[in-house]
Amino acid sequence: MNLYELTIHEAMDLLKTGKISSKELTMSVLDRIKSVEERVGAYITVNAESALRHAEYADREISKGNISPLTGIPLSVKDLICTKGLRTTCASKMLYNFIPQYNAFVIEKLNKAGAVIVGKTNMDEFAMGSSTENSGIKTTHNPWDLTCIPGGSSGGSAASVAADMCLGSLGSDTGGSIRQPASHCGVVGMKPTYGRVSRFGLVAFASSLDQIGPLSKDVLDAALLMNVIAGYDSADSTSVPEDVPDYTSFSKKGLSGVTIGIPVEYSEAEGLDPEVYGAIKNAVKTMEGLGAKCIEVKLPNTKYAVASYYVIAPSEASSNLARYDGVKYGFRDKDKNSLIDMYKSTRSKGFGPEVQRRIILGTYCLSAGYYDAYYKKASQIRTLIIEDFKNAFKSCDLILSPVAPTPAFKIGEKIDDPLTMYLSDIFTISANLAGVPGISVPCGFSSSGLPIGLQLTGRHFEEKNIFKAAWNFEQATDFHKKKPELTTEK
């Protein structure tokens, strides 16, 4: 096995026993990036020189017996999480040369844990999109089929994990942006409970929905990453001072005593691919074989989730992105003479079409005379969706559903149809609106060989139960063991 193919927990075992060094592991990953990055396009910035320095430092610490949970492990980070001294672009012309003067909370946690950051990954501009085609810098390709999208907005992070260009990654999830690309790329992706992981240093899209989480090669790796990044942060007013359990302590094999809810509404969702539906039905049988009791539950307001989300998220984006005006930092059109012309031109040239579309939509929804009709109404629907989950969890411990209605589609297939693209997140948006945690785990493949993901959603702050169920499912199947061959020419 090549070193870059290792999982985090496999690499940690080898590092602890001295069978490999962090420098060897990091060099293997960097060489892998050199060999496949041109075809995959997962990275915006590769941090090779600094990564090797950190790897050498990790090796010195290991030799002294100072081993933290991620010491010497090469990871990638989505390019909207601030990294001190390392370019953070949000895949936008607006921040193309922006170098933060501080680290995000999660980066500080990774540094303390001894991780090695090899680079910043591509994404939809300011995390707005479901395919990573909205990046203002490059197109990322799905490692399973280079003609297909990797999902979005954390498409670069998911592709970097799937293509063995890192051992794990951090992404962000506003409406499914970790889980959906994880599903399309055949990796594991966790969206934690809102407030479980600090958003300090995360460039904001929609502040009441955004959440940082891990993408990894298997469930144990995702739990290891969550152990490090979860926790209270006084710098984030939405961070919750809840104790962090050991997410890796799976008490036993099997799911005896666990009740899993299957939402009636999801099987009737618009555009659900028969192969995805078939894979989910097989996953339900696997869960039952592990001892779980599967029952039907109702989430009656699911049908309003997409409409509600696409009022709330653009409204918050409109407010958050108002700061990019060409005055304080970031891109500025210097050819304009008047202040108003400079504002207009800077924002027109600095933001891509999808970002502009959402700013306009959000500004309209928040404008005088329309706030009550749109934003207030969407917020009321959000409350109903939260109640739906609370009611469903009275009769079950977890909710099982698809992650995306279809496997990955072809690059360019839906880019000119925003409404169809928005429906890509139909199964994931509700969890963000309700603030509950959810995970995507590989559960099958389409007839064309593309991965299909299974979503498990749980109660607030019950990520441990989700990890346990996901790990048991993973142990009973071998979908996570398959690797893309990366033989298709670009």
Protein backbone atom coordinates (compact mmCIF):
# COMPACT_ATOMS: atom_id res chain seq x y z
CA MET A 1 0.00 0.00 0.00
CA ASN A 2 1.20 3.52 -0.81
CA LEU A 3 1.40 5.71 2.29
CA TYR A 4 -1.10 8.19 0.87
CA GLU A 5 -3.73 5.43 0.81
CA LEU A 6 -3.66 5.06 4.60
CA THR A 7 -6.52 6.15 6.82
CA ILE A 8 -5.76 8.50 9.70
CA HIS A 9 -5.99 5.74 12.31
CA GLU A 10 -3.79 3.40 10.27
CA ALA A 11 -1.18 6.12 9.83
CA MET A 12 -1.26 7.00 13.53
CA ASP A 13 -0.53 3.39 14.46
CA LEU A 14 2.49 3.34 12.12
CA LEU A 15 3.74 6.72 13.31
CA LYS A 16 3.53 5.71 16.97
CA THR A 17 5.55 2.55 16.38
CA GLY A 18 8.14 4.35 14.26
CA LYS A 19 7.44 2.26 11.16
CA ILE A 20 6.95 5.44 9.13
CA SER A 21 7.77 9.11 9.66
CA SER A 22 5.48 12.08 9.20
CA LYS A 23 7.89 13.46 6.61
CA GLU A 24 7.63 10.24 4.58
CA LEU A 25 3.85 10.31 4.88
CA THR A 26 3.61 13.98 3.93
CA MET A 27 6.00 13.53 0.98
CA SER A 28 3.85 10.65 -0.24
CA VAL A 29 0.75 12.85 -0.13
CA LEU A 30 2.52 15.77 -1.84
CA ASP A 31 3.79 13.44 -4.58
CA ARG A 32 0.25 12.14 -5.01
CA ILE A 33 -1.01 15.70 -5.39
CA LYS A 34 1.61 16.35 -8.07
CA SER A 35 0.55 13.26 -10.00
CA VAL A 36 -3.24 13.75 -10.01
CA GLU A 37 -3.99 17.40 -9.19
CA GLU A 38 -3.93 18.48 -12.84
CA ARG A 39 -6.77 16.07 -13.57
CA VAL A 40 -8.77 16.42 -10.33
CA GLY A 41 -8.29 20.11 -9.51
CA ALA A 42 -8.97 19.71 -5.79
CA TYR A 43 -6.57 22.37 -4.48
CA ILE A 44 -6.42 26.13 -4.79
CA THR A 45 -3.20 26.41 -2.77
CA VAL A 46 -0.70 23.64 -1.98
CA ASN A 47 1.34 24.42 1.12
CA ALA A 48 4.25 22.03 0.42
CA GLU A 49 7.20 23.83 2.03
CA SER A 50 5.36 24.65 5.24
CA ALA A 51 3.81 21.16 5.36
CA LEU A 52 7.24 19.51 5.27
CA ARG A 53 8.49 21.79 8.05
CA HIS A 54 5.52 20.84 10.19
CA ALA A 55 6.08 17.16 9.37
CA GLU A 56 9.71 17.37 10.49
CA TYR A 57 8.60 19.06 13.71
CA ALA A 58 6.00 16.30 14.22
CA ASP A 59 8.70 13.66 13.82
CA ARG A 60 10.82 15.34 16.50
CA GLU A 61 7.84 15.44 18.86
CA ILE A 62 7.02 11.78 18.19
CA SER A 63 10.63 10.81 18.93
CA LYS A 64 10.24 12.49 22.33
CA GLY A 65 7.01 10.61 22.98
CA ASN A 66 4.87 13.74 22.57
CA ILE A 67 2.05 12.35 20.46
CA SER A 68 -1.25 14.22 20.10
CA PRO A 69 -4.35 12.81 18.33
CA LEU A 70 -3.33 13.98 14.85
CA THR A 71 0.44 14.36 15.17
CA GLY A 72 2.05 14.22 11.72
CA ILE A 73 -1.19 13.59 9.79
CA PRO A 74 -1.48 15.45 6.41
CA LEU A 75 -4.87 17.17 6.07
CA SER A 76 -6.49 19.59 3.66
CA VAL A 77 -8.76 22.52 4.59
CA LYS A 78 -11.58 24.15 2.63
CA ASP A 79 -10.48 27.55 1.40
CA LEU A 80 -12.93 29.61 3.45
CA ILE A 81 -11.38 28.65 6.82
CA CYS A 82 -8.83 31.28 7.83
CA THR A 83 -5.20 30.15 8.03
CA LYS A 84 -2.65 32.64 9.34
CA GLY A 85 -0.09 33.52 6.68
CA LEU A 86 -1.69 31.18 4.13
CA ARG A 87 -3.92 32.52 1.36
CA THR A 88 -7.67 32.13 1.96
CA THR A 89 -9.63 32.94 -1.21
CA CYS A 90 -13.17 31.56 -0.79
CA ALA A 91 -12.61 30.62 -4.48
CA SER A 92 -13.45 34.21 -5.37
CA LYS A 93 -11.76 37.03 -7.22
CA MET A 94 -12.92 39.21 -4.33
CA LEU A 95 -10.43 37.56 -1.94
CA TYR A 96 -7.94 36.12 -4.41
CA ASN A 97 -4.89 37.54 -2.60
CA PHE A 98 -6.29 37.67 0.94
CA ILE A 99 -3.86 36.39 3.60
CA PRO A 100 -5.44 36.21 7.10
CA GLN A 101 -3.59 37.54 10.10
CA TYR A 102 -5.08 34.91 12.41
CA ASN A 103 -6.12 31.26 12.48
CA ALA A 104 -9.66 29.98 12.70
CA PHE A 105 -10.48 28.19 15.97
CA VAL A 106 -10.46 24.81 14.22
CA ILE A 107 -7.02 25.51 12.72
CA GLU A 108 -5.66 26.29 16.17
CA LYS A 109 -7.13 22.99 17.36
CA LEU A 110 -5.51 21.12 14.45
CA ASN A 111 -2.16 22.78 15.15
CA LYS A 112 -2.30 21.84 18.83
CA ALA A 113 -3.13 18.27 17.81
CA GLY A 114 0.00 18.18 15.62
CA ALA A 115 -1.72 17.99 12.21
CA VAL A 116 0.08 18.91 8.98
CA ILE A 117 -1.95 21.15 6.64
CA VAL A 118 -0.93 20.40 3.05
CA GLY A 119 -3.20 22.92 1.34
CA LYS A 120 -6.49 24.76 0.86
CA THR A 121 -9.17 23.14 -1.29
CA ASN A 122 -11.41 24.39 -4.07
CA MET A 123 -15.07 25.19 -3.46
CA ASP A 124 -18.09 26.99 -4.82
CA GLU A 125 -17.45 30.72 -4.46
CA PHE A 126 -18.25 31.77 -0.88
CA ALA A 127 -19.75 28.25 -0.46
CA MET A 128 -22.68 29.06 -2.72
CA GLY A 129 -23.41 26.04 -4.90
CA SER A 130 -23.91 22.28 -5.03
CA SER A 131 -21.30 21.25 -7.57
CA THR A 132 -18.10 23.34 -7.14
CA GLU A 133 -18.72 24.62 -10.66
CA ASN A 134 -19.29 28.08 -9.19
CA SER A 135 -15.66 28.40 -8.14
CA GLY A 136 -14.14 31.61 -9.44
CA ILE A 137 -10.74 29.92 -9.75
CA LYS A 138 -10.97 26.42 -11.25
CA THR A 139 -13.17 23.38 -11.87
CA THR A 140 -12.86 20.35 -9.61
CA HIS A 141 -13.52 16.92 -11.13
CA ASN A 142 -14.96 13.86 -9.40
CA PRO A 143 -12.15 11.27 -8.94
CA TRP A 144 -14.61 8.46 -9.78
CA ASP A 145 -15.40 10.02 -13.17
CA LEU A 146 -13.49 13.11 -14.23
CA THR A 147 -16.38 14.23 -16.44
CA CYS A 148 -18.65 14.55 -13.37
CA ILE A 149 -19.00 17.11 -10.59
CA PRO A 150 -17.63 16.26 -7.13
CA GLY A 151 -20.56 17.94 -5.40
CA GLY A 152 -20.42 21.18 -3.51
CA SER A 153 -19.66 23.45 -2.00
CA SER A 154 -16.91 21.41 -0.30
CA GLY A 155 -16.15 19.62 -3.56
CA GLY A 156 -12.40 20.18 -3.37
CA SER A 157 -12.24 18.75 0.15
CA ALA A 158 -14.27 15.65 -0.80
CA ALA A 159 -12.25 15.10 -3.99
CA SER A 160 -8.94 15.49 -2.14
CA VAL A 161 -9.96 12.74 0.31
CA ALA A 162 -11.38 10.43 -2.38
CA ALA A 163 -8.27 10.80 -4.56
CA ASP A 164 -5.89 10.16 -1.61
CA MET A 165 -4.49 13.69 -1.88
CA CYS A 166 -4.71 13.98 1.92
CA LEU A 167 -5.73 11.69 4.77
CA GLY A 168 -8.67 13.83 5.85
CA SER A 169 -10.14 17.29 5.39
CA LEU A 170 -12.28 20.02 6.90
CA GLY A 171 -15.23 21.46 5.02
CA SER A 172 -18.25 23.59 5.83
CA ASP A 173 -21.93 22.73 5.55
CA THR A 174 -24.65 25.36 5.09
CA GLY A 175 -27.29 23.30 3.29
CA GLY A 176 -25.51 20.01 2.68
CA SER A 177 -22.10 21.19 1.54
CA ILE A 178 -20.17 18.50 3.44
CA ARG A 179 -22.61 15.59 3.15
CA GLN A 180 -23.54 16.01 -0.52
CA PRO A 181 -19.97 16.05 -1.95
CA ALA A 182 -19.05 13.25 0.47
CA SER A 183 -21.88 11.21 -1.07
CA HIS A 184 -20.82 12.00 -4.64
CA CYS A 185 -17.15 11.19 -3.96
CA GLY A 186 -17.68 8.05 -1.88
CA VAL A 187 -16.22 9.36 1.39
CA VAL A 188 -17.57 10.08 4.88
CA GLY A 189 -18.77 13.59 5.73
CA MET A 190 -20.18 14.84 9.04
CA LYS A 191 -22.19 18.01 9.68
CA PRO A 192 -22.12 18.54 13.45
CA THR A 193 -24.86 20.10 15.54
CA TYR A 194 -25.02 23.87 15.08
CA GLY A 195 -22.84 25.31 17.87
CA ARG A 196 -20.83 22.10 18.37
CA VAL A 197 -17.81 23.39 16.39
CA SER A 198 -16.74 27.04 16.54
CA ARG A 199 -17.32 29.18 13.45
CA PHE A 200 -14.66 31.69 14.50
CA GLY A 201 -12.45 32.20 11.45
CA LEU A 202 -14.96 30.67 9.04
CA VAL A 203 -15.77 33.20 6.31
CA ALA A 204 -19.52 33.57 6.71
CA PHE A 205 -22.13 32.65 4.10
CA ALA A 206 -25.30 32.20 6.20
CA SER A 207 -24.41 32.58 9.86
CA SER A 208 -27.37 30.71 11.34
CA LEU A 209 -26.75 27.70 9.08
CA ASP A 210 -22.95 27.39 8.55
CA GLN A 211 -21.09 24.63 10.38
CA ILE A 212 -17.56 23.23 10.02
CA GLY A 213 -17.11 19.46 9.91
CA PRO A 214 -14.80 16.63 8.81
CA LEU A 215 -14.53 14.63 5.58
CA SER A 216 -12.61 11.37 5.78
CA LYS A 217 -11.96 7.93 4.32
CA ASP A 218 -13.94 6.10 6.99
CA VAL A 219 -16.18 6.72 10.01
CA LEU A 220 -13.45 6.25 12.64
CA ASP A 221 -11.35 8.95 10.96
CA ALA A 222 -14.31 11.36 11.00
CA ALA A 223 -14.77 10.67 14.71
CA LEU A 224 -11.05 11.28 15.35
CA LEU A 225 -11.27 14.65 13.59
CA MET A 226 -14.43 15.57 15.51
CA ASN A 227 -12.67 14.78 18.79
CA VAL A 228 -10.16 17.49 17.93
CA ILE A 229 -12.30 20.26 16.42
CA ALA A 230 -15.38 20.09 18.66
CA GLY A 231 -15.66 22.23 21.78
CA TYR A 232 -16.70 25.55 23.22
CA ASP A 233 -15.16 28.80 21.99
CA SER A 234 -15.88 32.11 23.73
CA ALA A 235 -14.99 33.96 20.51
CA ASP A 236 -18.09 32.48 18.81
CA SER A 237 -21.36 33.71 20.32
CA THR A 238 -23.20 30.69 18.89
CA SER A 239 -20.77 28.14 20.34
CA VAL A 240 -22.44 25.93 22.96
CA PRO A 241 -20.59 25.01 26.20
CA GLU A 242 -21.49 21.34 25.91
CA ASP A 243 -19.08 18.61 27.05
CA VAL A 244 -17.30 16.82 24.20
CA PRO A 245 -17.50 13.03 24.46
CA ASP A 246 -15.02 10.63 22.90
CA TYR A 247 -16.66 10.09 19.53
CA THR A 248 -14.42 7.09 18.82
CA SER A 249 -15.67 5.02 21.77
CA PHE A 250 -18.01 2.70 19.91
CA SER A 251 -19.28 0.62 22.82
CA LYS A 252 -20.24 -2.51 20.91
CA LYS A 253 -21.01 -3.96 17.51
CA GLY A 254 -24.62 -4.19 16.45
CA LEU A 255 -27.59 -1.82 16.71
CA SER A 256 -29.85 -3.75 19.04
CA GLY A 257 -32.24 -1.36 20.78
CA VAL A 258 -31.75 1.40 18.19
CA THR A 259 -34.86 2.66 16.36
CA ILE A 260 -34.31 4.25 12.95
CA GLY A 261 -36.96 6.43 11.33
CA ILE A 262 -37.55 6.38 7.58
CA PRO A 263 -39.31 9.61 6.49
CA VAL A 264 -42.32 8.93 4.28
CA GLU A 265 -41.84 12.24 2.50
CA TYR A 266 -38.32 11.46 1.29
CA SER A 267 -39.39 8.44 -0.78
CA GLU A 268 -41.83 10.72 -2.59
CA ALA A 269 -39.31 13.51 -3.22
CA GLU A 270 -39.05 15.06 -6.66
CA GLY A 271 -36.25 13.69 -8.85
CA LEU A 272 -35.24 10.74 -6.65
CA ASP A 273 -33.16 8.42 -8.84
CA PRO A 274 -34.31 4.74 -8.77
CA GLU A 275 -30.75 3.54 -8.19
CA VAL A 276 -30.36 5.86 -5.21
CA TYR A 277 -33.71 4.66 -3.84
CA GLY A 278 -32.63 1.05 -4.33
CA ALA A 279 -29.35 1.61 -2.47
CA ILE A 280 -31.21 3.22 0.43
CA LYS A 281 -33.67 0.31 0.64
CA ASN A 282 -30.73 -2.11 0.77
CA ALA A 283 -29.16 0.02 3.50
CA VAL A 284 -32.35 -0.23 5.54
CA LYS A 285 -32.16 -4.04 5.28
CA THR A 286 -28.53 -3.92 6.43
CA MET A 287 -29.51 -1.80 9.44
CA GLU A 288 -32.26 -4.26 10.33
CA GLY A 289 -29.76 -7.09 10.00
CA LEU A 290 -27.58 -5.30 12.56
CA GLY A 291 -30.48 -5.32 15.02
CA ALA A 292 -32.01 -1.90 14.42
CA LYS A 293 -35.78 -1.45 14.33
CA CYS A 294 -36.81 0.60 11.28
CA ILE A 295 -40.13 2.46 11.34
CA GLU A 296 -41.85 5.11 9.23
CA VAL A 297 -41.80 8.68 10.51
CA LYS A 298 -43.28 11.88 9.17
CA LEU A 299 -41.56 15.19 8.45
CA PRO A 300 -44.57 16.97 6.92
CA ASN A 301 -42.92 20.34 6.36
CA THR A 302 -40.03 18.89 4.35
CA LYS A 303 -41.75 20.06 1.17
CA TYR A 304 -41.17 23.67 2.24
CA ALA A 305 -37.51 23.22 3.23
CA VAL A 306 -35.88 24.20 -0.07
CA ALA A 307 -38.08 27.31 -0.45
CA SER A 308 -37.44 28.33 3.16
CA TYR A 309 -33.70 27.79 2.84
CA TYR A 310 -33.42 29.83 -0.34
CA VAL A 311 -34.96 32.80 1.43
CA ILE A 312 -33.03 32.55 4.72
CA ALA A 313 -29.59 31.70 3.30
CA PRO A 314 -29.48 34.42 0.59
CA SER A 315 -30.84 36.96 3.08
CA GLU A 316 -28.01 36.23 5.51
CA ALA A 317 -25.53 36.15 2.62
CA SER A 318 -26.70 39.58 1.49
CA SER A 319 -25.90 40.93 4.94
CA ASN A 320 -22.60 39.06 5.38
CA LEU A 321 -21.21 39.91 1.95
CA ALA A 322 -21.99 43.63 2.24
CA ARG A 323 -18.52 44.05 3.77
CA TYR A 324 -16.83 43.32 0.44
CA ASP A 325 -17.09 46.80 -1.01
CA GLY A 326 -13.55 47.46 -2.24
CA VAL A 327 -12.76 49.79 0.65
CA LYS A 328 -11.56 47.76 3.63
CA TYR A 329 -9.83 44.75 2.02
CA GLY A 330 -10.02 42.42 -0.94
CA PHE A 331 -10.45 43.23 -4.62
CA ARG A 332 -11.06 46.85 -5.71
CA ASP A 333 -11.72 48.20 -9.19
CA LYS A 334 -9.27 51.11 -9.18
CA ASP A 335 -10.33 52.44 -12.57
CA LYS A 336 -13.48 54.14 -11.25
CA ASN A 337 -13.41 57.76 -10.12
CA SER A 338 -16.51 58.06 -7.92
CA LEU A 339 -17.21 56.09 -4.74
CA ILE A 340 -20.56 54.72 -5.95
CA ASP A 341 -19.11 53.62 -9.30
CA MET A 342 -16.24 51.93 -7.47
CA TYR A 343 -18.70 50.05 -5.23
CA LYS A 344 -20.78 48.88 -8.19
CA SER A 345 -17.86 47.87 -10.36
CA THR A 346 -15.95 46.15 -7.54
CA ARG A 347 -18.90 43.98 -6.56
CA SER A 348 -19.88 43.27 -10.17
CA LYS A 349 -16.37 42.16 -11.12
CA GLY A 350 -15.39 40.60 -7.78
CA PHE A 351 -18.40 38.31 -7.33
CA GLY A 352 -19.41 35.52 -9.70
CA PRO A 353 -22.94 35.03 -11.13
CA GLU A 354 -24.24 32.70 -8.40
CA VAL A 355 -23.05 34.95 -5.58
CA GLN A 356 -24.60 37.98 -7.26
CA ARG A 357 -27.85 36.05 -7.76
CA ARG A 358 -28.09 35.20 -4.07
CA ILE A 359 -27.15 38.71 -2.90
CA ILE A 360 -29.89 40.19 -5.09
CA LEU A 361 -32.42 37.60 -3.92
CA GLY A 362 -31.51 38.11 -0.27
CA THR A 363 -31.56 41.90 -0.49
CA TYR A 364 -35.02 41.74 -2.05
CA CYS A 365 -36.30 39.41 0.70
CA LEU A 366 -35.02 41.78 3.40
CA SER A 367 -36.25 44.99 1.76
CA ALA A 368 -38.99 47.16 3.24
CA GLY A 369 -42.41 45.79 2.37
CA TYR A 370 -41.16 42.27 1.62
CA TYR A 371 -39.49 41.22 4.89
CA ASP A 372 -42.73 39.94 6.45
CA ALA A 373 -43.85 38.18 3.29
CA TYR A 374 -40.55 36.36 2.72
CA TYR A 375 -37.93 36.28 5.48
CA LYS A 376 -40.39 36.23 8.37
CA LYS A 377 -42.50 33.55 6.70
CA ALA A 378 -39.42 31.43 5.93
CA SER A 379 -38.34 31.73 9.56
CA GLN A 380 -41.76 30.51 10.68
CA ILE A 381 -41.46 27.51 8.37
CA ARG A 382 -38.03 26.85 9.85
CA THR A 383 -39.63 26.62 13.29
CA LEU A 384 -42.13 24.08 11.96
CA ILE A 385 -39.26 22.01 10.51
CA ILE A 386 -37.51 22.04 13.90
CA GLU A 387 -40.75 20.80 15.48
CA ASP A 388 -40.99 18.06 12.84
CA PHE A 389 -37.61 16.70 13.91
CA LYS A 390 -38.48 16.93 17.61
CA ASN A 391 -41.69 14.99 17.01
CA ALA A 392 -39.98 12.38 14.86
CA PHE A 393 -37.26 11.81 17.46
CA LYS A 394 -39.94 10.97 20.05
CA SER A 395 -40.38 7.63 18.29
CA CYS A 396 -36.86 7.02 16.87
CA ASP A 397 -33.21 7.56 17.68
CA LEU A 398 -31.94 8.31 14.17
CA ILE A 399 -33.43 9.25 10.81
CA LEU A 400 -32.20 7.50 7.67
CA SER A 401 -32.49 9.02 4.19
CA PRO A 402 -30.64 9.57 0.92
CA VAL A 403 -28.03 12.33 0.84
CA ALA A 404 -28.65 13.47 -2.73
CA PRO A 405 -31.48 12.60 -5.14
CA THR A 406 -29.05 11.43 -7.85
CA PRO A 407 -25.44 10.28 -8.19
CA ALA A 408 -22.95 12.90 -9.42
CA PHE A 409 -24.04 14.48 -12.70
CA LYS A 410 -21.94 15.66 -15.62
CA ILE A 411 -19.99 18.91 -15.39
CA GLY A 412 -22.04 21.60 -17.13
CA GLU A 413 -25.26 19.57 -17.10
CA LYS A 414 -27.17 21.79 -14.63
CA ILE A 415 -25.07 24.91 -14.31
CA ASP A 416 -27.51 27.00 -16.37
CA ASP A 417 -30.55 25.79 -14.41
CA PRO A 418 -30.27 27.19 -10.85
CA LEU A 419 -33.63 25.84 -9.68
CA THR A 420 -32.75 22.26 -10.64
CA MET A 421 -29.34 22.72 -9.03
CA TYR A 422 -30.97 23.93 -5.79
CA LEU A 423 -32.95 20.67 -5.57
CA SER A 424 -29.65 18.77 -5.26
CA ASP A 425 -29.76 19.61 -1.55
CA ILE A 426 -33.39 18.60 -0.96
CA PHE A 427 -32.47 15.87 1.56
CA THR A 428 -29.78 17.79 3.44
CA ILE A 429 -31.21 21.30 3.87
CA SER A 430 -33.66 20.37 6.65
CA ALA A 431 -30.84 19.36 9.01
CA ASN A 432 -29.23 22.79 8.66
CA LEU A 433 -32.53 24.59 9.22
CA ALA A 434 -33.11 22.50 12.35
CA GLY A 435 -29.46 22.63 13.50
CA VAL A 436 -29.29 18.84 13.96
CA PRO A 437 -26.22 16.71 13.12
CA GLY A 438 -26.01 14.43 10.09
CA ILE A 439 -23.50 12.16 8.39
CA SER A 440 -23.02 10.79 4.88
CA VAL A 441 -21.66 7.25 4.56
CA PRO A 442 -21.06 5.31 1.29
CA CYS A 443 -23.90 2.82 0.76
CA GLY A 444 -23.63 1.73 -2.86
CA PHE A 445 -22.77 2.55 -6.46
CA SER A 446 -24.81 3.42 -9.52
CA SER A 447 -24.74 1.27 -12.65
CA SER A 448 -22.16 3.70 -14.05
CA GLY A 449 -19.88 3.18 -11.03
CA LEU A 450 -20.60 6.44 -9.19
CA PRO A 451 -20.88 6.44 -5.37
CA ILE A 452 -24.18 6.76 -3.52
CA GLY A 453 -24.39 8.05 0.04
CA LEU A 454 -26.61 7.22 3.02
CA GLN A 455 -27.57 9.99 5.45
CA LEU A 456 -28.10 9.45 9.17
CA THR A 457 -29.50 12.36 11.18
CA GLY A 458 -29.76 12.53 14.98
CA ARG A 459 -30.86 14.69 17.87
CA HIS A 460 -28.92 17.81 18.82
CA PHE A 461 -25.45 16.98 20.21
CA GLU A 462 -25.92 13.24 19.67
CA GLU A 463 -23.16 12.87 17.10
CA LYS A 464 -21.84 9.92 19.10
CA ASN A 465 -24.97 7.88 18.33
CA ILE A 466 -24.69 8.78 14.66
CA PHE A 467 -21.05 7.71 14.55
CA LYS A 468 -21.90 4.42 16.23
CA ALA A 469 -24.65 3.57 13.74
CA ALA A 470 -22.56 4.74 10.76
CA TRP A 471 -19.56 2.70 11.95
CA ASN A 472 -21.67 -0.42 12.36
CA PHE A 473 -23.10 0.01 8.86
CA GLU A 474 -19.60 0.54 7.49
CA GLN A 475 -18.31 -2.61 9.21
CA ALA A 476 -21.13 -4.62 7.64
CA THR A 477 -20.39 -3.38 4.09
CA ASP A 478 -17.33 -2.74 1.93
CA PHE A 479 -18.37 0.32 -0.07
CA HIS A 480 -15.83 2.52 1.73
CA LYS A 481 -12.99 0.19 0.74
CA LYS A 482 -13.36 0.78 -2.99
CA LYS A 483 -11.12 3.39 -4.60
CA PRO A 484 -11.41 5.43 -7.80
CA GLU A 485 -8.88 4.42 -10.41
CA LEU A 486 -8.37 7.91 -11.84
CA THR A 487 -7.80 6.47 -15.29
CA THR A 488 -10.33 8.58 -17.23
CA GLU A 489 -8.63 11.32 -19.20
CA LYS A 490 -9.72 14.87 -18.56
